Amino acid sequence: MITTRTAKQCGQADFGWLQARYTFSFGHYFDPKLLGFASLRVLNQEVLAPGASFQARTYPKVDILNLILEGEAEYRDSDGNHVQAKAGEALLIATQPGVSYSEHNLSKEQSLTRMQLWLDACPQRENPLQQKINVADATLQLLGLSGGRG
């Protein structure tokens, strides 16, 4: 069964430099009925103020997908890797134990708006640490599941 939730029904945060909406329990927002869906743990919409940054922090073993809707971001890790992503791009980061990650809004004038998803990492597969694609010009495709119903 699919449950529809409006933006007003989602968890919310306003820290001045960050405005966020949380689909599932995250940070200070907790709902025991909303702890994720299958391997999807986090689905957040976040707006970072111009020039704002998330300080370096570690993550559980997850793959983080950032869909940049507006603005441009830079991602850095404590191993010295860095990558930039702009509106219309999707960036997948395979987090590693013991590595910290930071994120910065590169613009001093424009907010950075993104959707962020955390997915359980597949233990049988090693992904590249960072993968970026342009999704702004992508054609839409319907995918079918092999062995699925309907």
N, C-alpha and C. Protein backbone atom coordinates (compact mmCIF):
# COMPACT_ATOMS: atom_id res chain seq x y z
N MET A 1 0.84 -1.18 0.00
CA MET A 1 0.00 0.00 0.00
C MET A 1 0.88 1.24 0.00
N ILE A 2 0.54 2.22 -0.80
CA ILE A 2 1.28 3.47 -0.87
C ILE A 2 0.58 4.50 0.00
N THR A 3 1.36 5.13 0.85
CA THR A 3 0.85 6.19 1.71
C THR A 3 1.38 7.52 1.21
N THR A 4 0.49 8.46 1.01
CA THR A 4 0.88 9.79 0.56
C THR A 4 1.03 10.71 1.76
N ARG A 5 2.14 11.44 1.79
CA ARG A 5 2.37 12.43 2.85
C ARG A 5 2.68 13.77 2.19
N THR A 6 2.04 14.82 2.64
CA THR A 6 2.35 16.14 2.13
C THR A 6 3.61 16.66 2.81
N ALA A 7 4.18 17.70 2.24
CA ALA A 7 5.38 18.30 2.83
C ALA A 7 5.12 18.74 4.27
N LYS A 8 3.92 19.22 4.54
CA LYS A 8 3.59 19.67 5.90
C LYS A 8 3.54 18.52 6.90
N GLN A 9 3.34 17.30 6.43
CA GLN A 9 3.30 16.14 7.31
C GLN A 9 4.68 15.56 7.60
N CYS A 10 5.68 16.01 6.88
CA CYS A 10 7.04 15.51 7.08
C CYS A 10 7.69 16.20 8.28
N GLY A 11 8.74 15.58 8.80
CA GLY A 11 9.54 16.22 9.82
C GLY A 11 10.20 17.45 9.23
N GLN A 12 10.42 18.47 10.07
CA GLN A 12 10.99 19.71 9.57
C GLN A 12 12.07 20.22 10.50
N ALA A 13 13.01 20.96 9.92
CA ALA A 13 14.04 21.63 10.71
C ALA A 13 14.34 22.96 10.05
N ASP A 14 14.57 23.98 10.87
CA ASP A 14 15.01 25.28 10.38
C ASP A 14 16.10 25.77 11.31
N PHE A 15 17.34 25.66 10.85
CA PHE A 15 18.49 26.10 11.64
C PHE A 15 19.05 27.42 11.14
N GLY A 16 18.29 28.12 10.29
CA GLY A 16 18.78 29.36 9.70
C GLY A 16 19.60 29.06 8.45
N TRP A 17 20.73 28.44 8.62
CA TRP A 17 21.61 28.10 7.50
C TRP A 17 21.13 26.86 6.74
N LEU A 18 20.23 26.08 7.38
CA LEU A 18 19.71 24.85 6.79
C LEU A 18 18.22 24.76 7.06
N GLN A 19 17.46 24.52 5.99
CA GLN A 19 16.04 24.21 6.12
C GLN A 19 15.85 22.82 5.52
N ALA A 20 15.15 21.96 6.26
CA ALA A 20 15.05 20.57 5.82
C ALA A 20 13.67 20.00 6.08
N ARG A 21 13.31 19.04 5.24
CA ARG A 21 12.11 18.22 5.43
C ARG A 21 12.55 16.77 5.38
N TYR A 22 12.05 16.00 6.35
CA TYR A 22 12.45 14.60 6.51
C TYR A 22 11.26 13.69 6.25
N THR A 23 11.38 12.78 5.30
CA THR A 23 10.33 11.81 5.03
C THR A 23 10.28 10.75 6.11
N PHE A 24 11.46 10.31 6.55
CA PHE A 24 11.58 9.28 7.59
C PHE A 24 12.25 9.88 8.82
N SER A 25 12.24 9.13 9.91
CA SER A 25 12.91 9.58 11.13
C SER A 25 14.35 9.96 10.81
N PHE A 26 14.76 11.15 11.31
CA PHE A 26 16.11 11.65 11.03
C PHE A 26 16.42 12.76 12.02
N GLY A 27 17.62 12.73 12.58
CA GLY A 27 18.02 13.78 13.51
C GLY A 27 17.05 13.87 14.67
N HIS A 28 16.56 15.07 14.94
CA HIS A 28 15.64 15.29 16.06
C HIS A 28 14.22 14.78 15.77
N TYR A 29 13.90 14.53 14.49
CA TYR A 29 12.55 14.09 14.11
C TYR A 29 12.48 12.57 14.22
N PHE A 30 11.58 12.07 15.05
CA PHE A 30 11.45 10.63 15.23
C PHE A 30 9.99 10.23 15.18
N ASP A 31 9.69 9.28 14.32
CA ASP A 31 8.38 8.65 14.24
C ASP A 31 8.64 7.15 14.11
N PRO A 32 8.28 6.35 15.12
CA PRO A 32 8.60 4.92 15.09
C PRO A 32 7.96 4.18 13.92
N LYS A 33 6.95 4.77 13.27
CA LYS A 33 6.33 4.13 12.11
C LYS A 33 7.04 4.49 10.81
N LEU A 34 7.98 5.43 10.89
CA LEU A 34 8.66 5.91 9.68
C LEU A 34 10.17 5.81 9.85
N LEU A 35 10.68 4.59 9.75
CA LEU A 35 12.11 4.34 9.94
C LEU A 35 12.82 4.02 8.63
N GLY A 36 12.19 4.30 7.52
CA GLY A 36 12.75 3.99 6.22
C GLY A 36 11.81 3.07 5.47
N PHE A 37 12.23 2.68 4.26
CA PHE A 37 11.44 1.79 3.43
C PHE A 37 12.40 0.85 2.71
N ALA A 38 12.34 -0.44 3.04
CA ALA A 38 13.26 -1.44 2.49
C ALA A 38 14.69 -0.96 2.70
N SER A 39 15.48 -0.82 1.65
CA SER A 39 16.87 -0.39 1.82
C SER A 39 17.03 1.13 1.81
N LEU A 40 15.94 1.86 1.65
CA LEU A 40 15.97 3.32 1.70
C LEU A 40 15.85 3.77 3.15
N ARG A 41 16.88 4.40 3.68
CA ARG A 41 16.90 4.82 5.08
C ARG A 41 16.55 6.28 5.27
N VAL A 42 16.96 7.12 4.31
CA VAL A 42 16.78 8.56 4.44
C VAL A 42 16.28 9.11 3.11
N LEU A 43 15.32 10.02 3.18
CA LEU A 43 14.85 10.77 2.01
C LEU A 43 14.55 12.17 2.51
N ASN A 44 15.52 13.06 2.33
CA ASN A 44 15.42 14.42 2.84
C ASN A 44 15.47 15.43 1.70
N GLN A 45 14.73 16.53 1.87
CA GLN A 45 14.90 17.69 1.01
C GLN A 45 15.57 18.74 1.87
N GLU A 46 16.69 19.26 1.41
CA GLU A 46 17.45 20.21 2.21
C GLU A 46 17.83 21.42 1.39
N VAL A 47 17.76 22.59 2.03
CA VAL A 47 18.16 23.85 1.41
C VAL A 47 19.24 24.46 2.29
N LEU A 48 20.45 24.59 1.74
CA LEU A 48 21.56 25.21 2.44
C LEU A 48 21.67 26.66 2.01
N ALA A 49 21.81 27.54 2.97
CA ALA A 49 21.94 28.96 2.69
C ALA A 49 23.22 29.22 1.87
N PRO A 50 23.28 30.35 1.17
CA PRO A 50 24.49 30.68 0.43
C PRO A 50 25.73 30.62 1.32
N GLY A 51 26.76 29.93 0.84
CA GLY A 51 28.01 29.81 1.57
C GLY A 51 28.00 28.85 2.75
N ALA A 52 26.88 28.21 3.04
CA ALA A 52 26.77 27.33 4.21
C ALA A 52 27.48 26.00 3.97
N SER A 53 27.83 25.34 5.08
CA SER A 53 28.55 24.06 5.01
C SER A 53 28.04 23.10 6.07
N PHE A 54 28.07 21.83 5.74
CA PHE A 54 27.95 20.77 6.73
C PHE A 54 29.37 20.45 7.18
N GLN A 55 29.62 20.47 8.47
CA GLN A 55 30.94 20.12 8.98
C GLN A 55 31.23 18.65 8.71
N ALA A 56 32.50 18.31 8.68
CA ALA A 56 32.91 16.92 8.41
C ALA A 56 32.32 15.99 9.46
N ARG A 57 31.79 14.85 8.98
CA ARG A 57 31.22 13.86 9.88
C ARG A 57 31.31 12.49 9.22
N THR A 58 31.22 11.45 10.03
CA THR A 58 31.23 10.09 9.51
C THR A 58 29.80 9.60 9.35
N TYR A 59 29.63 8.57 8.56
CA TYR A 59 28.32 8.00 8.28
C TYR A 59 28.37 6.50 8.53
N PRO A 60 27.20 5.89 8.74
CA PRO A 60 27.16 4.42 8.72
C PRO A 60 27.48 3.96 7.30
N LYS A 61 27.68 2.69 7.09
CA LYS A 61 28.00 2.15 5.76
C LYS A 61 26.76 2.24 4.88
N VAL A 62 26.64 3.38 4.19
CA VAL A 62 25.51 3.62 3.30
C VAL A 62 26.03 4.22 1.99
N ASP A 63 25.21 4.13 0.97
CA ASP A 63 25.44 4.86 -0.27
C ASP A 63 24.54 6.09 -0.20
N ILE A 64 25.12 7.26 -0.42
CA ILE A 64 24.38 8.52 -0.33
C ILE A 64 24.20 9.07 -1.74
N LEU A 65 22.95 9.26 -2.13
CA LEU A 65 22.63 9.82 -3.44
C LEU A 65 22.14 11.25 -3.24
N ASN A 66 22.86 12.20 -3.82
CA ASN A 66 22.48 13.61 -3.77
C ASN A 66 21.98 14.03 -5.14
N LEU A 67 20.74 14.48 -5.21
CA LEU A 67 20.16 15.02 -6.44
C LEU A 67 20.15 16.53 -6.29
N ILE A 68 20.99 17.21 -7.05
CA ILE A 68 21.11 18.66 -6.93
C ILE A 68 20.01 19.31 -7.77
N LEU A 69 19.11 20.02 -7.10
CA LEU A 69 17.98 20.66 -7.78
C LEU A 69 18.29 22.10 -8.15
N GLU A 70 19.00 22.81 -7.27
CA GLU A 70 19.39 24.20 -7.53
C GLU A 70 20.74 24.45 -6.88
N GLY A 71 21.60 25.19 -7.56
CA GLY A 71 22.87 25.58 -6.98
C GLY A 71 24.00 24.62 -7.34
N GLU A 72 25.10 24.75 -6.58
CA GLU A 72 26.29 23.93 -6.81
C GLU A 72 26.93 23.59 -5.47
N ALA A 73 27.30 22.33 -5.31
CA ALA A 73 27.87 21.85 -4.05
C ALA A 73 29.25 21.26 -4.29
N GLU A 74 30.05 21.29 -3.23
CA GLU A 74 31.33 20.59 -3.24
C GLU A 74 31.34 19.62 -2.08
N TYR A 75 31.78 18.40 -2.35
CA TYR A 75 31.87 17.35 -1.35
C TYR A 75 33.34 16.98 -1.18
N ARG A 76 33.79 16.88 0.08
CA ARG A 76 35.17 16.51 0.39
C ARG A 76 35.16 15.40 1.43
N ASP A 77 36.21 14.57 1.38
CA ASP A 77 36.36 13.57 2.43
C ASP A 77 37.76 13.66 3.04
N SER A 78 37.92 13.00 4.17
CA SER A 78 39.18 13.09 4.91
C SER A 78 40.32 12.33 4.22
N ASP A 79 40.03 11.59 3.15
CA ASP A 79 41.07 10.93 2.36
C ASP A 79 41.60 11.85 1.26
N GLY A 80 41.06 13.07 1.17
CA GLY A 80 41.53 14.03 0.17
C GLY A 80 40.74 14.04 -1.12
N ASN A 81 39.71 13.23 -1.22
CA ASN A 81 38.87 13.23 -2.42
C ASN A 81 37.92 14.42 -2.38
N HIS A 82 37.63 14.99 -3.54
CA HIS A 82 36.61 16.04 -3.62
C HIS A 82 35.98 16.02 -5.00
N VAL A 83 34.73 16.44 -5.02
CA VAL A 83 33.97 16.47 -6.27
C VAL A 83 32.92 17.57 -6.15
N GLN A 84 32.60 18.19 -7.27
CA GLN A 84 31.55 19.20 -7.30
C GLN A 84 30.38 18.67 -8.10
N ALA A 85 29.19 19.11 -7.74
CA ALA A 85 27.97 18.73 -8.46
C ALA A 85 27.06 19.94 -8.53
N LYS A 86 26.42 20.14 -9.67
CA LYS A 86 25.56 21.30 -9.86
C LYS A 86 24.14 20.86 -10.22
N ALA A 87 23.26 21.84 -10.28
CA ALA A 87 21.85 21.56 -10.60
C ALA A 87 21.76 20.68 -11.85
N GLY A 88 20.93 19.64 -11.74
CA GLY A 88 20.76 18.71 -12.85
C GLY A 88 21.68 17.51 -12.79
N GLU A 89 22.52 17.45 -11.75
CA GLU A 89 23.42 16.32 -11.60
C GLU A 89 23.06 15.49 -10.38
N ALA A 90 23.39 14.21 -10.46
CA ALA A 90 23.22 13.30 -9.33
C ALA A 90 24.59 12.78 -8.95
N LEU A 91 24.86 12.76 -7.66
CA LEU A 91 26.16 12.30 -7.15
C LEU A 91 25.92 11.18 -6.15
N LEU A 92 26.55 10.04 -6.39
CA LEU A 92 26.46 8.91 -5.49
C LEU A 92 27.79 8.77 -4.77
N ILE A 93 27.74 8.77 -3.44
CA ILE A 93 28.94 8.62 -2.62
C ILE A 93 28.80 7.33 -1.82
N ALA A 94 29.78 6.44 -1.98
CA ALA A 94 29.83 5.19 -1.20
C ALA A 94 30.67 5.48 0.04
N THR A 95 30.03 5.68 1.18
CA THR A 95 30.76 6.05 2.39
C THR A 95 31.62 4.88 2.87
N GLN A 96 32.70 5.23 3.53
CA GLN A 96 33.65 4.24 4.03
C GLN A 96 33.83 4.40 5.53
N PRO A 97 34.01 3.31 6.26
CA PRO A 97 34.23 3.40 7.71
C PRO A 97 35.49 4.22 8.01
N GLY A 98 35.39 5.10 9.00
CA GLY A 98 36.53 5.88 9.43
C GLY A 98 36.84 7.09 8.58
N VAL A 99 36.07 7.33 7.53
CA VAL A 99 36.29 8.48 6.66
C VAL A 99 35.20 9.51 6.96
N SER A 100 35.59 10.77 7.10
CA SER A 100 34.60 11.83 7.34
C SER A 100 34.36 12.60 6.05
N TYR A 101 33.16 13.14 5.94
CA TYR A 101 32.70 13.81 4.73
C TYR A 101 32.13 15.17 5.08
N SER A 102 32.40 16.17 4.23
CA SER A 102 31.82 17.50 4.42
C SER A 102 31.19 17.94 3.10
N GLU A 103 30.31 18.92 3.21
CA GLU A 103 29.59 19.44 2.04
C GLU A 103 29.50 20.95 2.16
N HIS A 104 29.69 21.64 1.02
CA HIS A 104 29.69 23.10 1.02
C HIS A 104 28.84 23.62 -0.13
N ASN A 105 28.05 24.66 0.15
CA ASN A 105 27.36 25.39 -0.90
C ASN A 105 28.38 26.36 -1.48
N LEU A 106 28.75 26.19 -2.73
CA LEU A 106 29.81 27.00 -3.33
C LEU A 106 29.40 28.44 -3.62
N SER A 107 28.11 28.70 -3.70
CA SER A 107 27.64 30.04 -4.03
C SER A 107 27.50 30.91 -2.79
N LYS A 108 27.92 32.16 -2.91
CA LYS A 108 27.72 33.13 -1.83
C LYS A 108 26.39 33.88 -2.00
N GLU A 109 25.71 33.65 -3.15
CA GLU A 109 24.45 34.34 -3.43
C GLU A 109 23.23 33.43 -3.51
N GLN A 110 23.42 32.19 -3.93
CA GLN A 110 22.28 31.30 -4.20
C GLN A 110 22.24 30.15 -3.20
N SER A 111 21.03 29.80 -2.79
CA SER A 111 20.84 28.62 -1.94
C SER A 111 21.12 27.36 -2.73
N LEU A 112 21.49 26.31 -2.03
CA LEU A 112 21.68 24.98 -2.61
C LEU A 112 20.48 24.13 -2.19
N THR A 113 19.74 23.62 -3.15
CA THR A 113 18.60 22.76 -2.86
C THR A 113 18.90 21.38 -3.40
N ARG A 114 18.71 20.37 -2.56
CA ARG A 114 18.99 19.01 -2.99
C ARG A 114 18.06 18.03 -2.29
N MET A 115 17.91 16.88 -2.93
CA MET A 115 17.28 15.72 -2.31
C MET A 115 18.42 14.79 -1.94
N GLN A 116 18.37 14.25 -0.73
CA GLN A 116 19.40 13.31 -0.31
C GLN A 116 18.75 12.01 0.12
N LEU A 117 19.25 10.91 -0.44
CA LEU A 117 18.78 9.57 -0.10
C LEU A 117 19.95 8.78 0.46
N TRP A 118 19.70 8.05 1.54
CA TRP A 118 20.68 7.09 2.07
C TRP A 118 20.15 5.70 1.79
N LEU A 119 20.97 4.89 1.15
CA LEU A 119 20.61 3.52 0.80
C LEU A 119 21.56 2.56 1.50
N ASP A 120 21.03 1.47 2.02
CA ASP A 120 21.90 0.45 2.59
C ASP A 120 22.92 0.03 1.53
N ALA A 121 24.19 0.02 1.90
CA ALA A 121 25.22 -0.40 0.96
C ALA A 121 25.15 -1.91 0.76
N CYS A 122 25.37 -2.34 -0.45
CA CYS A 122 25.37 -3.78 -0.75
C CYS A 122 26.71 -4.37 -0.33
N PRO A 123 26.72 -5.26 0.66
CA PRO A 123 27.99 -5.78 1.16
C PRO A 123 28.74 -6.65 0.15
N GLN A 124 28.06 -7.19 -0.84
CA GLN A 124 28.71 -8.06 -1.82
C GLN A 124 29.34 -7.28 -2.97
N ARG A 125 29.15 -5.97 -3.01
CA ARG A 125 29.65 -5.20 -4.14
C ARG A 125 30.40 -3.97 -3.65
N GLU A 126 31.54 -3.72 -4.25
CA GLU A 126 32.30 -2.51 -3.95
C GLU A 126 32.00 -1.49 -5.04
N ASN A 127 31.37 -0.40 -4.69
CA ASN A 127 31.09 0.66 -5.64
C ASN A 127 32.29 1.60 -5.72
N PRO A 128 32.45 2.30 -6.85
CA PRO A 128 33.42 3.40 -6.86
C PRO A 128 33.03 4.38 -5.74
N LEU A 129 34.02 5.05 -5.16
CA LEU A 129 33.73 5.94 -4.04
C LEU A 129 32.79 7.07 -4.44
N GLN A 130 32.91 7.56 -5.69
CA GLN A 130 32.05 8.64 -6.16
C GLN A 130 31.65 8.36 -7.60
N GLN A 131 30.37 8.59 -7.89
CA GLN A 131 29.86 8.47 -9.24
C GLN A 131 28.95 9.66 -9.49
N LYS A 132 29.13 10.32 -10.63
CA LYS A 132 28.31 11.50 -10.94
C LYS A 132 27.75 11.37 -12.35
N ILE A 133 26.47 11.69 -12.49
CA ILE A 133 25.85 11.70 -13.81
C ILE A 133 24.99 12.95 -13.95
N ASN A 134 24.78 13.36 -15.19
CA ASN A 134 23.88 14.46 -15.48
C ASN A 134 22.50 13.86 -15.72
N VAL A 135 21.53 14.27 -14.92
CA VAL A 135 20.18 13.74 -15.07
C VAL A 135 19.22 14.77 -15.66
N ALA A 136 19.69 15.99 -15.87
CA ALA A 136 18.81 17.05 -16.37
C ALA A 136 18.30 16.74 -17.77
N ASP A 137 19.15 16.15 -18.60
CA ASP A 137 18.77 15.88 -19.99
C ASP A 137 18.41 14.42 -20.22
N ALA A 138 18.33 13.64 -19.16
CA ALA A 138 18.07 12.21 -19.30
C ALA A 138 16.64 11.97 -19.78
N THR A 139 16.48 10.95 -20.60
CA THR A 139 15.13 10.56 -21.00
C THR A 139 14.57 9.64 -19.93
N LEU A 140 13.30 9.72 -19.73
CA LEU A 140 12.65 8.88 -18.73
C LEU A 140 12.44 7.48 -19.29
N GLN A 141 12.68 6.48 -18.45
CA GLN A 141 12.50 5.10 -18.86
C GLN A 141 11.74 4.37 -17.78
N LEU A 142 10.90 3.45 -18.19
CA LEU A 142 10.19 2.59 -17.26
C LEU A 142 10.97 1.29 -17.15
N LEU A 143 11.32 0.92 -15.93
CA LEU A 143 12.08 -0.30 -15.71
C LEU A 143 11.18 -1.37 -15.14
N GLY A 144 11.32 -2.59 -15.63
CA GLY A 144 10.56 -3.72 -15.11
C GLY A 144 11.47 -4.61 -14.28
N LEU A 145 10.91 -5.25 -13.30
CA LEU A 145 11.66 -6.17 -12.47
C LEU A 145 11.52 -7.57 -13.03
N SER A 146 12.65 -8.25 -13.19
CA SER A 146 12.57 -9.63 -13.68
C SER A 146 11.97 -10.50 -12.58
N GLY A 147 11.05 -11.34 -12.95
CA GLY A 147 10.41 -12.22 -11.97
C GLY A 147 9.37 -11.52 -11.13
N GLY A 148 9.11 -10.24 -11.42
CA GLY A 148 8.13 -9.49 -10.65
C GLY A 148 6.73 -9.76 -11.13
N ARG A 149 5.78 -9.24 -10.39
CA ARG A 149 4.38 -9.39 -10.78
C ARG A 149 3.91 -8.14 -11.49
N GLY A 150 2.93 -8.30 -12.38
CA GLY A 150 2.29 -7.18 -13.03
C GLY A 150 3.11 -6.63 -14.10
